[in-house]
Amino acid sequence: MSPMTMVTRVPLPESVNPVLVIEALHAYLPLIEANPYHIGHERRPVNLDEVVADPFFHDDGQKLAAFVVHDRIPIIKNVGSWATKDVVIPCVFQSFEYGVRCRADASGGVTVRSSYEVRPRGQVQGGPEDIVRPGEGDHELVEIATIDCLAIMKLFVKQGYNNAHQEILQRVVDGLVRTPAPQPEHYLPQT
């Protein structure tokens, strides 16, 4: 299995304080519940062995949390619930200064390691072209994901992932559009 890397990004409007986005990520639930396929979740104990053995989780991380997430994935889009599959996805989250790391072990041997980060626009390369529109600020919410799966599943995983994760990021940002907060600079990555 050779991993594929995907970058997804959503610009933060000027009205959304980047610190609020970081705080929402650190709460984990706004990220979990923003998934358009989400049908439920529950906390589970963190198994330290699964974190220590995975170099994806860094020493700068804090506040580990684990969940079992339940999603209903469309196999064939727009044809109804008979063309969906319910999946159970154990996840481990780790906060760090400007975002969150998440490892999700989905069925079929699919493992996703995602870093959700608030960054100055253009700092992270890859993903869709950055087009600046009126009202957008200087930061963006970026997901950098490495996906391990069988070659036969890559196209299906990539298509579903792109659509869902663009929507996840947008929903997290949209949920904060009207929430003011102070802007402590120490949370923001340096350019």
N, C-alpha and C. Protein backbone atom coordinates (compact mmCIF):
# COMPACT_ATOMS: atom_id res chain seq x y z
N MET A 1 0.84 -1.18 0.00
CA MET A 1 0.00 0.00 0.00
C MET A 1 0.88 1.24 0.00
N SER A 2 0.74 2.04 -1.04
CA SER A 2 1.44 3.32 -1.01
C SER A 2 0.42 4.40 -0.63
N PRO A 3 0.77 5.22 0.35
CA PRO A 3 -0.20 6.21 0.84
C PRO A 3 -0.42 7.33 -0.17
N MET A 4 -1.59 7.93 -0.11
CA MET A 4 -1.84 9.14 -0.90
C MET A 4 -2.02 10.30 0.07
N THR A 5 -1.54 11.45 -0.35
CA THR A 5 -1.64 12.65 0.47
C THR A 5 -2.63 13.60 -0.18
N MET A 6 -3.51 14.15 0.65
CA MET A 6 -4.51 15.09 0.15
C MET A 6 -4.49 16.34 1.03
N VAL A 7 -4.63 17.48 0.40
CA VAL A 7 -4.70 18.75 1.11
C VAL A 7 -6.04 19.39 0.80
N THR A 8 -6.76 19.74 1.85
CA THR A 8 -8.05 20.41 1.72
C THR A 8 -7.95 21.71 2.49
N ARG A 9 -8.54 22.77 1.95
CA ARG A 9 -8.41 24.08 2.61
C ARG A 9 -9.69 24.88 2.48
N VAL A 10 -9.96 25.69 3.50
CA VAL A 10 -11.07 26.63 3.50
C VAL A 10 -10.56 27.95 4.06
N PRO A 11 -10.71 29.05 3.32
CA PRO A 11 -10.27 30.34 3.86
C PRO A 11 -11.15 30.77 5.02
N LEU A 12 -10.54 31.43 5.98
CA LEU A 12 -11.30 31.98 7.10
C LEU A 12 -11.76 33.39 6.72
N PRO A 13 -13.04 33.67 6.90
CA PRO A 13 -13.50 35.04 6.66
C PRO A 13 -12.83 36.00 7.65
N GLU A 14 -12.76 37.27 7.26
CA GLU A 14 -12.19 38.28 8.17
C GLU A 14 -12.91 38.31 9.50
N SER A 15 -14.20 37.98 9.49
CA SER A 15 -15.02 38.04 10.72
C SER A 15 -14.78 36.88 11.67
N VAL A 16 -14.03 35.87 11.23
CA VAL A 16 -13.77 34.70 12.08
C VAL A 16 -12.35 34.79 12.63
N ASN A 17 -12.27 34.89 13.93
CA ASN A 17 -10.98 34.95 14.60
C ASN A 17 -10.30 33.57 14.50
N PRO A 18 -9.08 33.50 14.00
CA PRO A 18 -8.39 32.21 13.89
C PRO A 18 -8.29 31.46 15.21
N VAL A 19 -8.21 32.19 16.32
CA VAL A 19 -8.12 31.55 17.63
C VAL A 19 -9.38 30.74 17.92
N LEU A 20 -10.53 31.25 17.50
CA LEU A 20 -11.78 30.51 17.69
C LEU A 20 -11.78 29.19 16.95
N VAL A 21 -11.20 29.18 15.77
CA VAL A 21 -11.14 27.95 14.98
C VAL A 21 -10.25 26.93 15.69
N ILE A 22 -9.12 27.39 16.20
CA ILE A 22 -8.23 26.50 16.94
C ILE A 22 -8.94 25.94 18.17
N GLU A 23 -9.66 26.79 18.89
CA GLU A 23 -10.39 26.32 20.07
C GLU A 23 -11.47 25.30 19.69
N ALA A 24 -12.14 25.52 18.57
CA ALA A 24 -13.15 24.54 18.11
C ALA A 24 -12.49 23.22 17.76
N LEU A 25 -11.35 23.27 17.10
CA LEU A 25 -10.62 22.03 16.78
C LEU A 25 -10.22 21.31 18.06
N HIS A 26 -9.72 22.05 19.04
CA HIS A 26 -9.28 21.44 20.30
C HIS A 26 -10.43 20.81 21.08
N ALA A 27 -11.65 21.23 20.81
CA ALA A 27 -12.82 20.63 21.46
C ALA A 27 -13.20 19.29 20.81
N TYR A 28 -12.67 19.00 19.62
CA TYR A 28 -12.87 17.76 18.87
C TYR A 28 -14.28 17.57 18.33
N LEU A 29 -15.31 17.77 19.15
CA LEU A 29 -16.68 17.49 18.70
C LEU A 29 -17.13 18.35 17.52
N PRO A 30 -16.78 19.65 17.45
CA PRO A 30 -17.19 20.40 16.26
C PRO A 30 -16.64 19.78 14.97
N LEU A 31 -15.47 19.20 15.03
CA LEU A 31 -14.87 18.55 13.87
C LEU A 31 -15.58 17.23 13.56
N ILE A 32 -15.83 16.43 14.58
CA ILE A 32 -16.51 15.14 14.39
C ILE A 32 -17.92 15.35 13.85
N GLU A 33 -18.66 16.26 14.47
CA GLU A 33 -20.07 16.45 14.13
C GLU A 33 -20.28 17.21 12.83
N ALA A 34 -19.24 17.83 12.29
CA ALA A 34 -19.35 18.54 11.01
C ALA A 34 -19.35 17.60 9.81
N ASN A 35 -19.01 16.35 10.03
CA ASN A 35 -18.95 15.37 8.94
C ASN A 35 -20.35 15.14 8.38
N PRO A 36 -20.56 15.34 7.08
CA PRO A 36 -21.90 15.15 6.51
C PRO A 36 -22.39 13.70 6.58
N TYR A 37 -21.49 12.75 6.81
CA TYR A 37 -21.88 11.34 6.90
C TYR A 37 -22.07 10.88 8.35
N HIS A 38 -21.82 11.76 9.31
CA HIS A 38 -21.87 11.43 10.73
C HIS A 38 -23.29 11.05 11.16
N ILE A 39 -23.40 9.90 11.85
CA ILE A 39 -24.69 9.51 12.42
C ILE A 39 -24.59 9.29 13.93
N GLY A 40 -23.38 9.33 14.48
CA GLY A 40 -23.22 9.18 15.91
C GLY A 40 -21.76 8.99 16.30
N HIS A 41 -21.50 9.07 17.59
CA HIS A 41 -20.15 8.84 18.11
C HIS A 41 -20.24 8.62 19.61
N GLU A 42 -19.21 8.02 20.14
CA GLU A 42 -19.07 7.91 21.60
C GLU A 42 -17.59 7.94 21.94
N ARG A 43 -17.31 8.44 23.13
CA ARG A 43 -15.92 8.44 23.62
C ARG A 43 -15.53 7.02 23.97
N ARG A 44 -14.25 6.76 23.86
CA ARG A 44 -13.69 5.48 24.29
C ARG A 44 -12.38 5.79 25.01
N PRO A 45 -11.90 4.84 25.81
CA PRO A 45 -10.61 5.08 26.47
C PRO A 45 -9.47 5.17 25.44
N VAL A 46 -8.50 5.99 25.75
CA VAL A 46 -7.31 6.10 24.90
C VAL A 46 -6.41 4.92 25.22
N ASN A 47 -6.01 4.20 24.20
CA ASN A 47 -5.04 3.12 24.34
C ASN A 47 -3.67 3.73 24.04
N LEU A 48 -2.87 3.95 25.07
CA LEU A 48 -1.58 4.62 24.88
C LEU A 48 -0.65 3.87 23.94
N ASP A 49 -0.77 2.56 23.88
CA ASP A 49 0.08 1.79 22.96
C ASP A 49 -0.14 2.21 21.51
N GLU A 50 -1.39 2.47 21.13
CA GLU A 50 -1.66 2.85 19.74
C GLU A 50 -1.12 4.25 19.42
N VAL A 51 -0.95 5.08 20.43
CA VAL A 51 -0.42 6.42 20.22
C VAL A 51 1.11 6.40 20.22
N VAL A 52 1.69 5.73 21.20
CA VAL A 52 3.15 5.67 21.33
C VAL A 52 3.77 4.98 20.12
N ALA A 53 3.12 3.98 19.58
CA ALA A 53 3.66 3.22 18.46
C ALA A 53 3.52 3.94 17.12
N ASP A 54 2.79 5.04 17.08
CA ASP A 54 2.53 5.74 15.82
C ASP A 54 3.31 7.05 15.79
N PRO A 55 4.32 7.18 14.90
CA PRO A 55 5.11 8.41 14.84
C PRO A 55 4.32 9.64 14.39
N PHE A 56 3.09 9.44 13.94
CA PHE A 56 2.22 10.56 13.56
C PHE A 56 1.92 11.46 14.76
N PHE A 57 1.84 10.86 15.95
CA PHE A 57 1.58 11.63 17.16
C PHE A 57 2.90 12.14 17.72
N HIS A 58 3.02 13.46 17.86
CA HIS A 58 4.29 14.09 18.23
C HIS A 58 4.33 14.45 19.71
N ASP A 59 5.54 14.72 20.18
CA ASP A 59 5.74 15.11 21.57
C ASP A 59 5.12 16.46 21.91
N ASP A 60 4.90 17.30 20.89
CA ASP A 60 4.31 18.62 21.16
C ASP A 60 2.80 18.54 21.39
N GLY A 61 2.24 17.35 21.25
CA GLY A 61 0.80 17.19 21.40
C GLY A 61 0.37 17.12 22.85
N GLN A 62 -0.91 17.34 23.04
CA GLN A 62 -1.50 17.30 24.38
C GLN A 62 -2.95 16.86 24.25
N LYS A 63 -3.59 16.67 25.36
CA LYS A 63 -5.02 16.37 25.43
C LYS A 63 -5.46 15.27 24.45
N LEU A 64 -4.97 14.07 24.66
CA LEU A 64 -5.40 12.94 23.84
C LEU A 64 -6.86 12.62 24.14
N ALA A 65 -7.59 12.23 23.11
CA ALA A 65 -8.97 11.78 23.27
C ALA A 65 -9.25 10.75 22.18
N ALA A 66 -10.07 9.77 22.51
CA ALA A 66 -10.41 8.73 21.54
C ALA A 66 -11.93 8.62 21.44
N PHE A 67 -12.39 8.32 20.25
CA PHE A 67 -13.81 8.19 19.96
C PHE A 67 -14.03 7.01 19.04
N VAL A 68 -15.24 6.53 19.03
CA VAL A 68 -15.71 5.63 17.99
C VAL A 68 -16.77 6.43 17.23
N VAL A 69 -16.51 6.66 15.96
CA VAL A 69 -17.40 7.47 15.13
C VAL A 69 -18.19 6.55 14.22
N HIS A 70 -19.47 6.85 14.08
CA HIS A 70 -20.36 6.08 13.20
C HIS A 70 -20.75 6.97 12.03
N ASP A 71 -20.44 6.51 10.82
CA ASP A 71 -20.77 7.25 9.60
C ASP A 71 -21.64 6.39 8.70
N ARG A 72 -22.44 7.04 7.89
CA ARG A 72 -23.21 6.37 6.84
C ARG A 72 -22.68 6.91 5.52
N ILE A 73 -21.90 6.07 4.84
CA ILE A 73 -21.18 6.46 3.63
C ILE A 73 -22.00 6.12 2.40
N PRO A 74 -22.20 7.08 1.48
CA PRO A 74 -22.90 6.74 0.23
C PRO A 74 -21.97 5.93 -0.69
N ILE A 75 -22.47 4.79 -1.12
CA ILE A 75 -21.72 3.97 -2.08
C ILE A 75 -22.02 4.48 -3.49
N ILE A 76 -23.31 4.75 -3.74
CA ILE A 76 -23.75 5.37 -4.99
C ILE A 76 -24.49 6.64 -4.57
N LYS A 77 -24.02 7.78 -5.05
CA LYS A 77 -24.59 9.05 -4.61
C LYS A 77 -25.98 9.29 -5.19
N ASN A 78 -26.80 9.97 -4.39
CA ASN A 78 -28.11 10.47 -4.81
C ASN A 78 -29.12 9.41 -5.23
N VAL A 79 -29.01 8.21 -4.69
CA VAL A 79 -30.01 7.18 -5.03
C VAL A 79 -30.76 6.66 -3.81
N GLY A 80 -30.47 7.20 -2.66
CA GLY A 80 -31.22 6.81 -1.47
C GLY A 80 -30.39 6.01 -0.49
N SER A 81 -31.03 5.71 0.64
CA SER A 81 -30.32 5.06 1.74
C SER A 81 -29.95 3.62 1.45
N TRP A 82 -30.59 2.99 0.47
CA TRP A 82 -30.24 1.60 0.15
C TRP A 82 -28.83 1.51 -0.43
N ALA A 83 -28.29 2.62 -0.91
CA ALA A 83 -26.95 2.61 -1.51
C ALA A 83 -25.93 3.23 -0.57
N THR A 84 -26.10 2.98 0.74
CA THR A 84 -25.15 3.48 1.73
C THR A 84 -24.60 2.32 2.55
N LYS A 85 -23.52 2.59 3.25
CA LYS A 85 -22.92 1.59 4.13
C LYS A 85 -22.61 2.27 5.46
N ASP A 86 -23.06 1.66 6.55
CA ASP A 86 -22.72 2.17 7.87
C ASP A 86 -21.35 1.65 8.26
N VAL A 87 -20.48 2.55 8.69
CA VAL A 87 -19.13 2.17 9.09
C VAL A 87 -18.85 2.68 10.50
N VAL A 88 -18.01 1.94 11.19
CA VAL A 88 -17.58 2.29 12.54
C VAL A 88 -16.10 2.60 12.46
N ILE A 89 -15.72 3.79 12.94
CA ILE A 89 -14.35 4.26 12.77
C ILE A 89 -13.76 4.66 14.11
N PRO A 90 -12.86 3.84 14.66
CA PRO A 90 -12.14 4.26 15.87
C PRO A 90 -11.16 5.39 15.52
N CYS A 91 -11.17 6.45 16.31
CA CYS A 91 -10.32 7.61 16.07
C CYS A 91 -9.57 8.00 17.34
N VAL A 92 -8.38 8.54 17.15
CA VAL A 92 -7.61 9.12 18.25
C VAL A 92 -7.25 10.55 17.85
N PHE A 93 -7.49 11.50 18.75
CA PHE A 93 -7.20 12.91 18.51
C PHE A 93 -6.10 13.37 19.46
N GLN A 94 -5.31 14.34 18.97
CA GLN A 94 -4.27 14.97 19.78
C GLN A 94 -4.22 16.46 19.40
N SER A 95 -4.39 17.32 20.38
CA SER A 95 -4.28 18.76 20.14
C SER A 95 -2.82 19.17 20.08
N PHE A 96 -2.54 20.21 19.32
CA PHE A 96 -1.24 20.87 19.35
C PHE A 96 -1.47 22.36 19.14
N GLU A 97 -0.44 23.14 19.16
CA GLU A 97 -0.56 24.60 19.26
C GLU A 97 -1.58 25.21 18.30
N TYR A 98 -1.54 24.84 17.04
CA TYR A 98 -2.42 25.50 16.07
C TYR A 98 -3.35 24.53 15.35
N GLY A 99 -3.67 23.40 16.03
CA GLY A 99 -4.60 22.47 15.41
C GLY A 99 -4.75 21.15 16.14
N VAL A 100 -5.08 20.15 15.35
CA VAL A 100 -5.40 18.82 15.87
C VAL A 100 -4.87 17.76 14.91
N ARG A 101 -4.37 16.69 15.48
CA ARG A 101 -4.04 15.49 14.69
C ARG A 101 -5.12 14.45 14.97
N CYS A 102 -5.45 13.68 13.95
CA CYS A 102 -6.44 12.61 14.12
C CYS A 102 -6.03 11.41 13.28
N ARG A 103 -6.00 10.26 13.92
CA ARG A 103 -5.83 9.01 13.17
C ARG A 103 -7.16 8.28 13.24
N ALA A 104 -7.65 7.89 12.07
CA ALA A 104 -8.91 7.17 11.96
C ALA A 104 -8.65 5.85 11.26
N ASP A 105 -9.08 4.76 11.88
CA ASP A 105 -8.89 3.42 11.32
C ASP A 105 -10.23 2.90 10.83
N ALA A 106 -10.52 3.14 9.55
CA ALA A 106 -11.80 2.75 8.97
C ALA A 106 -11.77 1.29 8.53
N SER A 107 -12.93 0.79 8.17
CA SER A 107 -13.02 -0.61 7.73
C SER A 107 -12.32 -0.76 6.38
N GLY A 108 -12.05 -1.98 6.02
CA GLY A 108 -11.40 -2.27 4.74
C GLY A 108 -9.93 -1.94 4.72
N GLY A 109 -9.32 -1.78 5.88
CA GLY A 109 -7.89 -1.48 5.92
C GLY A 109 -7.54 -0.05 5.57
N VAL A 110 -8.49 0.87 5.69
CA VAL A 110 -8.24 2.28 5.40
C VAL A 110 -7.82 2.99 6.69
N THR A 111 -6.64 3.59 6.66
CA THR A 111 -6.16 4.39 7.79
C THR A 111 -5.90 5.80 7.30
N VAL A 112 -6.49 6.76 7.99
CA VAL A 112 -6.33 8.17 7.63
C VAL A 112 -5.65 8.88 8.78
N ARG A 113 -4.55 9.56 8.47
CA ARG A 113 -3.86 10.40 9.44
C ARG A 113 -3.98 11.84 8.96
N SER A 114 -4.78 12.61 9.68
CA SER A 114 -5.07 13.99 9.27
C SER A 114 -4.57 14.98 10.30
N SER A 115 -4.05 16.07 9.80
CA SER A 115 -3.69 17.21 10.63
C SER A 115 -4.58 18.36 10.19
N TYR A 116 -5.37 18.89 11.12
CA TYR A 116 -6.24 20.03 10.86
C TYR A 116 -5.57 21.23 11.50
N GLU A 117 -5.22 22.23 10.68
CA GLU A 117 -4.39 23.33 11.17
C GLU A 117 -4.93 24.68 10.70
N VAL A 118 -4.81 25.68 11.56
CA VAL A 118 -5.08 27.06 11.17
C VAL A 118 -3.73 27.66 10.79
N ARG A 119 -3.62 28.09 9.55
CA ARG A 119 -2.35 28.59 9.02
C ARG A 119 -2.55 29.89 8.25
N PRO A 120 -1.48 30.70 8.15
CA PRO A 120 -1.56 31.84 7.24
C PRO A 120 -1.82 31.32 5.82
N ARG A 121 -2.63 32.04 5.09
CA ARG A 121 -2.97 31.61 3.73
C ARG A 121 -1.71 31.43 2.89
N GLY A 122 -1.68 30.35 2.14
CA GLY A 122 -0.58 30.07 1.24
C GLY A 122 0.61 29.40 1.89
N GLN A 123 0.62 29.24 3.20
CA GLN A 123 1.77 28.64 3.88
C GLN A 123 1.88 27.15 3.58
N VAL A 124 0.75 26.47 3.47
CA VAL A 124 0.74 25.03 3.18
C VAL A 124 0.52 24.85 1.68
N GLN A 125 1.41 24.13 1.04
CA GLN A 125 1.33 23.91 -0.40
C GLN A 125 0.45 22.70 -0.70
N GLY A 126 -0.10 22.68 -1.91
CA GLY A 126 -0.92 21.56 -2.35
C GLY A 126 -2.39 21.87 -2.21
N GLY A 127 -3.19 20.98 -2.73
CA GLY A 127 -4.64 21.16 -2.65
C GLY A 127 -5.14 22.12 -3.70
N PRO A 128 -6.39 22.55 -3.55
CA PRO A 128 -6.99 23.44 -4.55
C PRO A 128 -6.30 24.80 -4.57
N GLU A 129 -6.40 25.46 -5.71
CA GLU A 129 -5.80 26.79 -5.87
C GLU A 129 -6.42 27.77 -4.88
N ASP A 130 -5.59 28.62 -4.34
CA ASP A 130 -6.04 29.61 -3.37
C ASP A 130 -6.52 30.86 -4.11
N ILE A 131 -7.83 31.06 -4.14
CA ILE A 131 -8.41 32.23 -4.79
C ILE A 131 -8.93 33.14 -3.69
N VAL A 132 -8.42 34.35 -3.63
CA VAL A 132 -8.82 35.30 -2.59
C VAL A 132 -10.09 36.02 -3.05
N ARG A 133 -11.11 35.97 -2.19
CA ARG A 133 -12.38 36.65 -2.46
C ARG A 133 -12.58 37.76 -1.43
N PRO A 134 -13.41 38.75 -1.76
CA PRO A 134 -13.68 39.82 -0.80
C PRO A 134 -14.23 39.26 0.51
N GLY A 135 -13.76 39.81 1.62
CA GLY A 135 -14.23 39.40 2.94
C GLY A 135 -13.45 38.26 3.56
N GLU A 136 -12.50 37.70 2.82
CA GLU A 136 -11.70 36.61 3.36
C GLU A 136 -10.49 37.18 4.08
N GLY A 137 -10.10 36.51 5.15
CA GLY A 137 -8.99 36.96 5.97
C GLY A 137 -7.66 36.40 5.52
N ASP A 138 -6.67 36.53 6.40
CA ASP A 138 -5.30 36.13 6.10
C ASP A 138 -4.97 34.70 6.51
N HIS A 139 -5.95 33.97 7.07
CA HIS A 139 -5.71 32.60 7.53
C HIS A 139 -6.67 31.63 6.85
N GLU A 140 -6.33 30.37 6.95
CA GLU A 140 -7.19 29.32 6.40
C GLU A 140 -7.14 28.11 7.31
N LEU A 141 -8.20 27.30 7.23
CA LEU A 141 -8.23 26.01 7.90
C LEU A 141 -7.80 24.99 6.87
N VAL A 142 -6.73 24.26 7.19
CA VAL A 142 -6.14 23.32 6.24
C VAL A 142 -6.15 21.93 6.85
N GLU A 143 -6.51 20.95 6.04
CA GLU A 143 -6.37 19.55 6.44
C GLU A 143 -5.32 18.92 5.54
N ILE A 144 -4.32 18.33 6.16
CA ILE A 144 -3.29 17.58 5.43
C ILE A 144 -3.48 16.13 5.83
N ALA A 145 -3.88 15.30 4.88
CA ALA A 145 -4.22 13.91 5.19
C ALA A 145 -3.35 12.95 4.41
N THR A 146 -2.91 11.92 5.09
CA THR A 146 -2.24 10.79 4.46
C THR A 146 -3.16 9.60 4.62
N ILE A 147 -3.51 8.99 3.49
CA ILE A 147 -4.48 7.89 3.49
C ILE A 147 -3.79 6.63 3.01
N ASP A 148 -3.83 5.60 3.86
CA ASP A 148 -3.32 4.28 3.50
C ASP A 148 -4.51 3.38 3.21
N CYS A 149 -4.53 2.80 2.01
CA CYS A 149 -5.58 1.84 1.67
C CYS A 149 -5.11 0.99 0.49
N LEU A 150 -5.84 -0.06 0.23
CA LEU A 150 -5.53 -0.92 -0.90
C LEU A 150 -5.72 -0.15 -2.20
N ALA A 151 -4.91 -0.48 -3.21
CA ALA A 151 -4.98 0.21 -4.49
C ALA A 151 -6.37 0.15 -5.10
N ILE A 152 -7.05 -0.96 -4.93
CA ILE A 152 -8.38 -1.14 -5.52
C ILE A 152 -9.40 -0.17 -4.92
N MET A 153 -9.13 0.35 -3.73
CA MET A 153 -10.07 1.24 -3.04
C MET A 153 -9.74 2.72 -3.21
N LYS A 154 -8.59 3.03 -3.77
CA LYS A 154 -8.11 4.42 -3.79
C LYS A 154 -9.07 5.39 -4.47
N LEU A 155 -9.59 5.05 -5.62
CA LEU A 155 -10.47 5.97 -6.33
C LEU A 155 -11.73 6.25 -5.52
N PHE A 156 -12.34 5.22 -4.98
CA PHE A 156 -13.55 5.38 -4.17
C PHE A 156 -13.27 6.23 -2.94
N VAL A 157 -12.18 5.91 -2.25
CA VAL A 157 -11.83 6.65 -1.03
C VAL A 157 -11.53 8.11 -1.37
N LYS A 158 -10.78 8.35 -2.42
CA LYS A 158 -10.40 9.71 -2.79
C LYS A 158 -11.62 10.56 -3.12
N GLN A 159 -12.55 10.03 -3.91
CA GLN A 159 -13.73 10.80 -4.29
C GLN A 159 -14.59 11.15 -3.07
N GLY A 160 -14.88 10.17 -2.25
CA GLY A 160 -15.69 10.42 -1.07
C GLY A 160 -15.00 11.33 -0.08
N TYR A 161 -13.71 11.17 0.04
CA TYR A 161 -12.93 11.95 0.99
C TYR A 161 -12.93 13.43 0.60
N ASN A 162 -12.61 13.70 -0.66
CA ASN A 162 -12.55 15.10 -1.12
C ASN A 162 -13.84 15.84 -0.81
N ASN A 163 -14.96 15.27 -1.21
CA ASN A 163 -16.25 15.94 -1.03
C ASN A 163 -16.57 16.13 0.45
N ALA A 164 -16.46 15.08 1.23
CA ALA A 164 -16.85 15.14 2.64
C ALA A 164 -15.94 16.07 3.43
N HIS A 165 -14.66 16.02 3.20
CA HIS A 165 -13.73 16.79 4.03
C HIS A 165 -13.72 18.27 3.67
N GLN A 166 -14.00 18.61 2.44
CA GLN A 166 -14.19 20.03 2.10
C GLN A 166 -15.40 20.56 2.87
N GLU A 167 -16.46 19.77 2.92
CA GLU A 167 -17.67 20.18 3.65
C GLU A 167 -17.42 20.24 5.16
N ILE A 168 -16.64 19.31 5.69
CA ILE A 168 -16.32 19.33 7.13
C ILE A 168 -15.64 20.65 7.50
N LEU A 169 -14.60 21.01 6.75
CA LEU A 169 -13.88 22.24 7.05
C LEU A 169 -14.80 23.45 6.95
N GLN A 170 -15.61 23.48 5.90
CA GLN A 170 -16.51 24.62 5.72
C GLN A 170 -17.52 24.71 6.85
N ARG A 171 -18.05 23.58 7.30
CA ARG A 171 -19.03 23.58 8.40
C ARG A 171 -18.40 24.05 9.71
N VAL A 172 -17.16 23.66 9.96
CA VAL A 172 -16.48 24.13 11.17
C VAL A 172 -16.36 25.65 11.14
N VAL A 173 -15.93 26.19 10.01
CA VAL A 173 -15.79 27.64 9.87
C VAL A 173 -17.16 28.32 9.95
N ASP A 174 -18.14 27.80 9.24
CA ASP A 174 -19.48 28.41 9.24
C ASP A 174 -20.08 28.46 10.64
N GLY A 175 -19.77 27.46 11.46
CA GLY A 175 -20.28 27.43 12.82
C GLY A 175 -19.71 28.54 13.70
N LEU A 176 -18.65 29.18 13.23
CA LEU A 176 -17.99 30.22 14.03
C LEU A 176 -18.15 31.63 13.46
N VAL A 177 -18.85 31.76 12.37
CA VAL A 177 -18.91 33.04 11.65
C VAL A 177 -19.37 34.19 12.54
N ARG A 178 -20.29 33.96 13.45
CA ARG A 178 -20.83 35.06 14.26
C ARG A 178 -20.26 35.12 15.68
N THR A 179 -19.20 34.37 15.96
CA THR A 179 -18.70 34.30 17.33
C THR A 179 -17.45 35.16 17.49
N PRO A 180 -17.51 36.28 18.22
CA PRO A 180 -16.32 37.10 18.44
C PRO A 180 -15.43 36.53 19.55
N ALA A 181 -14.16 36.83 19.48
CA ALA A 181 -13.23 36.40 20.53
C ALA A 181 -11.97 37.26 20.47
N PRO A 182 -11.23 37.31 21.57
CA PRO A 182 -9.95 38.03 21.55
C PRO A 182 -8.96 37.30 20.64
N GLN A 183 -7.91 37.99 20.25
CA GLN A 183 -6.95 37.39 19.34
C GLN A 183 -5.56 37.34 19.96
N PRO A 184 -5.32 36.38 20.86
CA PRO A 184 -3.96 36.25 21.39
C PRO A 184 -3.03 35.71 20.31
N GLU A 185 -1.98 36.43 20.02
CA GLU A 185 -1.07 36.08 18.93
C GLU A 185 -0.30 34.79 19.17
N HIS A 186 -0.15 34.37 20.42
CA HIS A 186 0.68 33.19 20.69
C HIS A 186 0.08 31.91 20.13
N TYR A 187 -1.20 31.90 19.78
CA TYR A 187 -1.81 30.71 19.20
C TYR A 187 -1.50 30.55 17.72
N LEU A 188 -1.15 31.65 17.07
CA LEU A 188 -1.05 31.63 15.62
C LEU A 188 0.36 31.27 15.18
N PRO A 189 0.46 30.42 14.15
CA PRO A 189 1.78 30.06 13.65
C PRO A 189 2.45 31.28 13.02
N GLN A 190 3.74 31.33 13.14
CA GLN A 190 4.51 32.43 12.59
C GLN A 190 4.71 32.23 11.10
N THR A 191 4.73 33.31 10.36
CA THR A 191 4.95 33.24 8.91
C THR A 191 6.39 33.41 8.58
